[in-house]
Amino acid sequence: MGTSQGLTLKTTPQWSSAKRAMTGLLNDLENEAKLENFMLKFYQALGSDGIYRGTTASSDGSGRGSRTRSSSGGGATSHGSRSGRAKGRRSFGKAGASAATNLLGFFSDVRDNGLSQAIELANTTGVEIPQSPKDLINFLCGLSSVDTDADFDTEAANAAQRKLLSEIFKSCENMTDVEEIIKQADKDTIDAWIIDFEVNYIIEYQGSLFQSHIFDKAQDPDKVAGQIRRWLHSKLDKRLSDEMKHINLFTEEGKRYVESLTANILQIWKQ
């Protein structure tokens, strides 16, 4: 949970409330009311700081990072020479939208054209062609790779993407198995993949924001992440699955839905 370097949270009333809510949660992880309160305070702090998706945009306002697989994560890293902390504080949701739509685009290409052709279409930079499931995970995550000056939004999206792909391909011994899993996935399975991504994305970003807070106060940070993950799934799985029943995620409508999904999820806790 979280990245290698935490953020120093602002000392605003909203962030102070979020930190207190996290402390309360750490003291009573099984308390659903404290989990819900933490999510509300997290949402309110994001909005107050102007890093909530929809309140900020890339420098030219184009949002290109969520439009092409070859530039996944571009929208989240196009803040010029700002420091990693400034970029991390600037946005949340854009890198996740980009990573999720990129994955759906790749899955669509595999289903339509086969795995080899899908890799060729995605490999716009001419990197080495993946030869194993592990190589493919690295390849797909590399499409939106980050460096030491990367922002926390992109790091969270990459971590969530890696978790999802590792889970999807965990039983795959070769690339044929990978192609078969993607081609045989029905709508419910693909919808569930996107929900899993969103849950992990939110948790990874929270881990970046509250990393020092969690490690200072929690004996088992993984347990904290696991409890939040279980709670998010309990609140989101049915709700989002019901919404997605009426949306084909491989269409333009589906793309727009996925691009706004993180924002819509956070709105659930708005009061």
Protein backbone atom coordinates (compact mmCIF):
# COMPACT_ATOMS: atom_id res chain seq x y z
CA MET A 1 0.00 0.00 0.00
CA GLY A 2 1.48 3.32 -1.02
CA THR A 3 4.65 4.20 -2.87
CA SER A 4 8.27 4.51 -1.89
CA GLN A 5 7.92 8.17 -0.94
CA GLY A 6 4.97 9.66 0.91
CA LEU A 7 3.41 13.08 0.51
CA THR A 8 3.48 15.72 3.19
CA LEU A 9 -0.18 16.57 3.62
CA LYS A 10 -1.26 20.17 3.88
CA THR A 11 -2.28 21.50 7.28
CA THR A 12 -5.70 22.62 6.11
CA PRO A 13 -8.87 21.82 8.07
CA GLN A 14 -9.93 19.28 5.43
CA TRP A 15 -6.63 17.38 5.45
CA SER A 16 -6.48 17.55 9.24
CA SER A 17 -9.95 16.00 9.35
CA ALA A 18 -8.84 13.30 6.90
CA LYS A 19 -5.81 12.47 9.05
CA ARG A 20 -7.95 12.29 12.18
CA ALA A 21 -10.37 10.02 10.34
CA MET A 22 -7.47 7.76 9.32
CA THR A 23 -6.26 7.66 12.95
CA GLY A 24 -9.75 6.72 14.09
CA LEU A 25 -9.88 3.98 11.48
CA LEU A 26 -6.49 2.58 12.49
CA ASN A 27 -7.74 2.33 16.07
CA ASP A 28 -10.81 0.36 15.02
CA LEU A 29 -10.40 -1.27 11.60
CA GLU A 30 -13.56 -3.33 11.91
CA ASN A 31 -15.76 -0.26 12.40
CA GLU A 32 -17.69 0.34 9.17
CA ALA A 33 -18.82 3.81 10.26
CA LYS A 34 -15.18 4.87 10.68
CA LEU A 35 -14.33 3.49 7.24
CA GLU A 36 -17.17 5.45 5.69
CA ASN A 37 -16.17 8.58 7.60
CA PHE A 38 -12.60 8.24 6.35
CA MET A 39 -13.80 7.96 2.74
CA LEU A 40 -15.93 11.08 3.17
CA LYS A 41 -13.07 13.09 4.68
CA PHE A 42 -10.73 11.81 1.96
CA TYR A 43 -13.17 12.99 -0.72
CA GLN A 44 -13.61 16.38 0.94
CA ALA A 45 -9.84 16.91 1.28
CA LEU A 46 -9.23 16.05 -2.36
CA GLY A 47 -11.83 18.56 -3.46
CA SER A 48 -10.53 21.30 -1.18
CA ASP A 49 -7.00 20.89 -2.54
CA GLY A 50 -7.96 21.09 -6.20
CA ILE A 51 -6.48 17.70 -7.10
CA TYR A 52 -9.80 16.01 -7.71
CA ARG A 53 -10.33 14.89 -11.31
CA GLY A 54 -12.49 17.37 -13.19
CA THR A 55 -11.18 20.39 -11.27
CA THR A 56 -7.73 20.22 -12.86
CA ALA A 57 -6.51 19.41 -16.34
CA SER A 58 -3.24 18.98 -18.18
CA SER A 59 -1.36 22.15 -19.06
CA ASP A 60 -3.07 22.52 -22.43
CA GLY A 61 -6.44 21.21 -21.23
CA SER A 62 -6.48 18.52 -23.88
CA GLY A 63 -6.59 15.50 -21.58
CA ARG A 64 -4.55 13.54 -24.11
CA GLY A 65 -3.39 11.09 -21.45
CA SER A 66 -6.72 9.25 -21.57
CA ARG A 67 -7.10 9.10 -25.32
CA THR A 68 -4.32 6.98 -26.75
CA ARG A 69 -2.66 3.84 -25.51
CA SER A 70 0.69 5.04 -26.75
CA SER A 71 0.63 7.94 -24.30
CA SER A 72 -0.98 6.36 -21.28
CA GLY A 73 -0.14 8.33 -18.21
CA GLY A 74 0.89 11.30 -20.37
CA GLY A 75 -1.85 13.49 -19.02
CA ALA A 76 -0.71 12.78 -15.48
CA THR A 77 2.94 13.61 -16.09
CA SER A 78 2.65 16.70 -18.29
CA HIS A 79 3.14 19.30 -15.58
CA GLY A 80 6.45 20.61 -16.83
CA SER A 81 9.25 21.04 -14.32
CA ARG A 82 7.14 20.87 -11.18
CA SER A 83 8.51 18.69 -8.42
CA GLY A 84 7.25 15.17 -7.78
CA ARG A 85 5.36 16.45 -4.74
CA ALA A 86 3.64 19.23 -6.73
CA LYS A 87 2.64 16.88 -9.50
CA GLY A 88 1.42 14.29 -7.03
CA ARG A 89 -0.74 16.86 -5.33
CA ARG A 90 -2.07 18.26 -8.59
CA SER A 91 -4.29 15.46 -9.87
CA PHE A 92 -6.08 12.30 -8.94
CA GLY A 93 -8.13 10.26 -11.40
CA LYS A 94 -6.53 11.17 -14.72
CA ALA A 95 -3.81 8.51 -14.66
CA GLY A 96 -6.30 5.89 -13.51
CA ALA A 97 -8.71 6.77 -16.31
CA SER A 98 -5.87 6.54 -18.81
CA ALA A 99 -4.60 3.18 -17.51
CA ALA A 100 -8.10 1.65 -17.41
CA THR A 101 -9.04 2.79 -20.92
CA ASN A 102 -5.64 1.64 -22.23
CA LEU A 103 -6.20 -1.83 -20.76
CA LEU A 104 -9.67 -2.03 -22.25
CA GLY A 105 -8.26 -0.98 -25.61
CA PHE A 106 -5.63 -3.70 -25.42
CA PHE A 107 -8.19 -6.33 -24.40
CA SER A 108 -10.40 -5.25 -27.30
CA ASP A 109 -7.49 -5.57 -29.75
CA VAL A 110 -6.70 -9.05 -28.43
CA ARG A 111 -10.30 -10.15 -28.87
CA ASP A 112 -10.53 -8.69 -32.37
CA ASN A 113 -7.06 -9.36 -33.77
CA GLY A 114 -5.27 -11.82 -31.48
CA LEU A 115 -2.56 -11.27 -28.90
CA SER A 116 0.39 -10.88 -31.26
CA GLN A 117 -1.33 -8.20 -33.31
CA ALA A 118 -2.53 -6.40 -30.19
CA ILE A 119 1.04 -6.25 -28.87
CA GLU A 120 2.26 -4.94 -32.20
CA LEU A 121 -0.39 -2.20 -32.19
CA ALA A 122 0.51 -1.20 -28.62
CA ASN A 123 4.27 -1.30 -29.16
CA THR A 124 4.65 2.20 -30.57
CA THR A 125 8.10 2.70 -29.04
CA GLY A 126 9.70 -0.46 -30.42
CA VAL A 127 10.56 -2.13 -27.12
CA GLU A 128 11.31 -5.84 -26.88
CA ILE A 129 8.28 -8.01 -27.62
CA PRO A 130 7.08 -9.84 -24.48
CA GLN A 131 7.54 -13.61 -24.55
CA SER A 132 5.87 -14.64 -21.28
CA PRO A 133 2.92 -13.56 -19.12
CA LYS A 134 5.34 -11.81 -16.75
CA ASP A 135 6.96 -10.02 -19.68
CA LEU A 136 3.52 -8.95 -20.90
CA ILE A 137 2.61 -7.45 -17.52
CA ASN A 138 5.86 -5.46 -17.56
CA PHE A 139 5.21 -4.44 -21.15
CA LEU A 140 1.67 -3.19 -20.48
CA CYS A 141 2.71 -1.36 -17.31
CA GLY A 142 5.64 0.10 -19.23
CA LEU A 143 3.26 1.83 -21.60
CA SER A 144 2.60 4.22 -18.74
CA SER A 145 5.90 3.78 -16.92
CA VAL A 146 7.09 6.30 -14.39
CA ASP A 147 10.54 7.56 -13.42
CA THR A 148 11.94 9.04 -10.22
CA ASP A 149 10.19 12.36 -10.94
CA ALA A 150 6.83 10.74 -11.56
CA ASP A 151 3.65 11.90 -9.90
CA PHE A 152 1.76 9.89 -7.32
CA ASP A 153 -1.36 9.61 -9.46
CA THR A 154 0.58 7.76 -12.16
CA GLU A 155 2.39 5.58 -9.63
CA ALA A 156 -0.93 4.60 -8.06
CA ALA A 157 -2.42 3.79 -11.47
CA ASN A 158 0.60 1.68 -12.41
CA ALA A 159 0.52 -0.22 -9.13
CA ALA A 160 -3.20 -0.92 -9.51
CA GLN A 161 -2.69 -2.03 -13.10
CA ARG A 162 0.11 -4.40 -12.11
CA LYS A 163 -2.01 -5.91 -9.32
CA LEU A 164 -4.91 -6.48 -11.69
CA LEU A 165 -2.84 -8.05 -14.47
CA SER A 166 -0.96 -10.27 -12.03
CA GLU A 167 -4.29 -11.55 -10.74
CA ILE A 168 -5.76 -12.08 -14.22
CA PHE A 169 -2.70 -13.95 -15.50
CA LYS A 170 -1.77 -15.80 -12.30
CA SER A 171 -2.65 -19.21 -13.76
CA CYS A 172 -1.13 -18.54 -17.19
CA GLU A 173 1.95 -20.56 -18.10
CA ASN A 174 2.45 -19.08 -21.56
CA MET A 175 1.16 -16.44 -23.97
CA THR A 176 -1.41 -18.81 -25.41
CA ASP A 177 -3.01 -19.04 -21.99
CA VAL A 178 -3.06 -15.24 -21.78
CA GLU A 179 -4.81 -14.90 -25.11
CA GLU A 180 -7.35 -17.53 -24.15
CA ILE A 181 -8.20 -15.84 -20.84
CA ILE A 182 -8.76 -12.47 -22.51
CA LYS A 183 -10.78 -13.89 -25.40
CA GLN A 184 -12.96 -16.05 -23.18
CA ALA A 185 -13.70 -13.33 -20.62
CA ASP A 186 -17.40 -12.49 -20.66
CA LYS A 187 -18.88 -9.08 -19.95
CA ASP A 188 -19.33 -9.72 -16.22
CA THR A 189 -15.67 -10.75 -15.92
CA ILE A 190 -14.39 -7.68 -17.74
CA ASP A 191 -16.63 -5.41 -15.68
CA ALA A 192 -15.25 -7.03 -12.52
CA TRP A 193 -11.69 -6.42 -13.73
CA ILE A 194 -12.37 -2.70 -14.02
CA ILE A 195 -13.97 -2.58 -10.57
CA ASP A 196 -10.93 -4.39 -9.13
CA PHE A 197 -8.65 -1.86 -10.82
CA GLU A 198 -10.60 1.09 -9.41
CA VAL A 199 -10.57 -0.30 -5.87
CA ASN A 200 -6.83 -0.90 -5.96
CA TYR A 201 -6.20 2.49 -7.60
CA ILE A 202 -8.01 4.35 -4.82
CA ILE A 203 -6.17 2.34 -2.16
CA GLU A 204 -2.77 2.92 -3.77
CA TYR A 205 -3.36 6.66 -3.94
CA GLN A 206 -4.54 6.75 -0.35
CA GLY A 207 -1.40 4.84 0.57
CA SER A 208 0.70 7.57 -1.05
CA LEU A 209 -1.13 10.34 0.78
CA PHE A 210 -1.21 8.70 4.19
CA GLN A 211 1.89 6.52 3.99
CA SER A 212 3.87 8.05 6.86
CA HIS A 213 0.67 8.36 8.88
CA ILE A 214 -0.14 4.67 8.35
CA PHE A 215 3.36 3.38 9.01
CA ASP A 216 3.69 5.52 12.13
CA LYS A 217 0.43 4.34 13.65
CA ALA A 218 -0.44 0.93 12.15
CA GLN A 219 1.26 -2.29 13.13
CA ASP A 220 0.20 -3.98 9.89
CA PRO A 221 -0.26 -1.59 6.91
CA ASP A 222 -1.22 -4.51 4.65
CA LYS A 223 -4.10 -5.30 6.98
CA VAL A 224 -5.24 -1.68 6.70
CA ALA A 225 -5.19 -1.91 2.90
CA GLY A 226 -6.97 -5.28 2.98
CA GLN A 227 -9.73 -4.01 5.22
CA ILE A 228 -10.31 -0.93 3.05
CA ARG A 229 -10.27 -3.14 -0.04
CA ARG A 230 -12.88 -5.53 1.36
CA TRP A 231 -15.07 -2.65 2.46
CA LEU A 232 -14.84 -0.90 -0.92
CA HIS A 233 -15.80 -4.09 -2.72
CA SER A 234 -18.76 -4.57 -0.38
CA LYS A 235 -19.98 -1.08 -1.22
CA LEU A 236 -19.13 -0.93 -4.90
CA ASP A 237 -19.39 -4.37 -6.53
CA LYS A 238 -23.16 -4.61 -6.87
CA ARG A 239 -23.70 -0.91 -7.49
CA LEU A 240 -21.15 -0.67 -10.29
CA SER A 241 -22.03 -4.07 -11.74
CA ASP A 242 -25.66 -2.96 -12.06
CA GLU A 243 -24.57 0.23 -13.83
CA MET A 244 -22.23 -1.63 -16.18
CA LYS A 245 -24.93 -4.10 -17.25
CA HIS A 246 -26.25 -1.40 -19.54
CA ILE A 247 -22.86 -0.23 -20.86
CA ASN A 248 -20.47 -1.88 -23.31
CA LEU A 249 -17.08 -0.82 -21.98
CA PHE A 250 -15.50 -1.30 -25.41
CA THR A 251 -17.60 1.49 -26.96
CA GLU A 252 -17.13 5.25 -26.82
CA GLU A 253 -19.91 5.38 -24.24
CA GLY A 254 -18.02 2.80 -22.20
CA LYS A 255 -14.80 4.77 -22.50
CA ARG A 256 -16.51 7.91 -21.20
CA TYR A 257 -17.98 5.91 -18.33
CA VAL A 258 -14.58 4.51 -17.33
CA GLU A 259 -12.88 7.90 -17.64
CA SER A 260 -15.28 9.36 -15.05
CA LEU A 261 -15.52 6.25 -12.87
CA THR A 262 -13.09 7.30 -10.12
CA ALA A 263 -14.86 10.64 -9.71
CA ASN A 264 -18.25 8.92 -9.62
CA ILE A 265 -17.06 6.46 -7.00
CA LEU A 266 -15.81 9.21 -4.73
CA GLN A 267 -19.12 11.04 -5.12
CA ILE A 268 -20.81 8.16 -3.33
CA TRP A 269 -19.45 9.43 -0.01
CA LYS A 270 -20.28 13.08 -0.68
CA GLN A 271 -22.71 14.66 1.77
